[in-house]
Protein backbone atom coordinates (compact mmCIF):
# COMPACT_ATOMS: atom_id res chain seq x y z
CA UNK A 1 152.86 -74.81 5.56
CA UNK A 2 150.77 -77.98 5.73
CA UNK A 3 152.75 -81.14 5.37
CA UNK A 4 149.21 -83.44 6.72
CA UNK A 5 146.22 -83.88 4.93
CA UNK A 6 143.27 -82.69 6.47
CA UNK A 7 140.63 -85.43 6.85
CA UNK A 8 136.91 -84.89 7.37
CA UNK A 9 136.26 -85.60 10.67
CA UNK A 10 133.95 -88.37 11.43
CA UNK A 11 130.40 -87.67 10.03
CA UNK A 12 127.42 -88.25 12.51
CA UNK A 13 124.28 -89.65 10.67
CA UNK A 14 121.23 -88.80 12.59
CA UNK A 15 118.99 -91.52 14.46
CA UNK A 16 115.96 -90.99 11.87
CA UNK A 17 118.23 -91.47 9.01
CA UNK A 18 119.26 -95.02 10.23
CA UNK A 19 115.55 -95.66 11.28
CA UNK A 20 115.05 -95.10 7.28
CA UNK A 21 117.87 -97.55 6.50
CA UNK A 22 116.43 -99.71 9.06
CA UNK A 23 112.74 -99.46 7.43
CA UNK A 24 114.03 -100.08 4.27
CA UNK A 25 116.48 -102.68 4.86
CA UNK A 26 113.29 -104.88 6.27
CA UNK A 27 111.71 -103.60 2.63
CA UNK A 28 114.56 -105.67 1.12
CA UNK A 29 116.07 -103.17 -0.39
CA UNK A 30 120.10 -103.35 -0.67
CA UNK A 31 122.35 -100.98 0.35
CA UNK A 32 123.64 -100.03 -2.75
CA UNK A 33 119.89 -99.07 -3.57
CA UNK A 34 119.24 -97.20 -0.21
CA UNK A 35 122.79 -95.60 -0.36
CA UNK A 36 121.39 -94.04 -3.99
CA UNK A 37 118.10 -93.19 -2.99
CA UNK A 38 118.88 -91.25 0.46
CA UNK A 39 121.33 -89.37 -1.64
CA UNK A 40 118.76 -88.15 -4.66
CA UNK A 41 115.82 -88.07 -2.51
CA UNK A 42 116.69 -86.94 0.86
CA UNK A 43 119.90 -85.02 0.22
CA UNK A 44 121.87 -87.41 2.89
CA UNK A 45 124.92 -89.03 2.24
CA UNK A 46 125.28 -92.64 3.56
CA UNK A 47 127.78 -94.93 1.83
CA UNK A 48 126.77 -98.50 1.47
CA UNK A 49 129.43 -99.74 3.37
CA UNK A 50 128.73 -97.82 6.23
CA UNK A 51 125.23 -99.78 5.91
CA UNK A 52 126.93 -103.03 5.58
CA UNK A 53 128.75 -102.32 8.66
CA UNK A 54 125.24 -101.27 10.22
CA UNK A 55 124.07 -104.58 9.20
CA UNK A 56 126.93 -106.50 10.77
CA UNK A 57 127.14 -104.50 14.02
CA UNK A 58 123.38 -105.30 14.37
CA UNK A 59 123.33 -108.94 13.27
CA UNK A 60 126.44 -109.40 15.98
CA UNK A 61 124.29 -107.45 18.81
CA UNK A 62 121.22 -110.01 18.45
CA UNK A 63 123.35 -112.92 18.54
CA UNK A 64 125.03 -111.67 21.40
CA UNK A 65 121.90 -111.03 23.51
CA UNK A 66 120.41 -114.11 22.14
CA UNK A 67 123.30 -116.22 23.10
CA UNK A 68 123.90 -117.81 19.89
CA UNK A 69 127.37 -117.53 19.70
CA UNK A 70 127.99 -119.58 22.83
CA UNK A 71 125.92 -122.31 21.97
CA UNK A 72 128.74 -124.90 21.45
CA UNK A 73 131.18 -123.24 23.44
CA UNK A 74 130.75 -126.60 26.02
CA UNK A 75 131.54 -130.47 24.70
CA UNK A 76 128.40 -132.95 25.05
CA UNK A 77 128.46 -135.28 28.22
CA UNK A 78 127.28 -138.07 28.14
CA UNK A 79 124.21 -139.55 30.48
CA UNK A 80 124.59 -142.13 32.85
CA UNK A 81 121.22 -144.33 32.19
């Protein structure tokens, strides 16, 4: 007797698919358009939520690497003339 529901394991999406998603995002496609197009033409299921998470993760990674997040971390100082 099973009392717990079986859940699907985390599906790993191929790096080639993410490269295609990245290209389509640069071509100004929305995550919903990309998700629908992939499911109809490439037989790949990538939800638009996953694409939004991908965009957010990429944005946060770029901000950390360029230091944008920490630009205003210190109070300005006054210089004596």
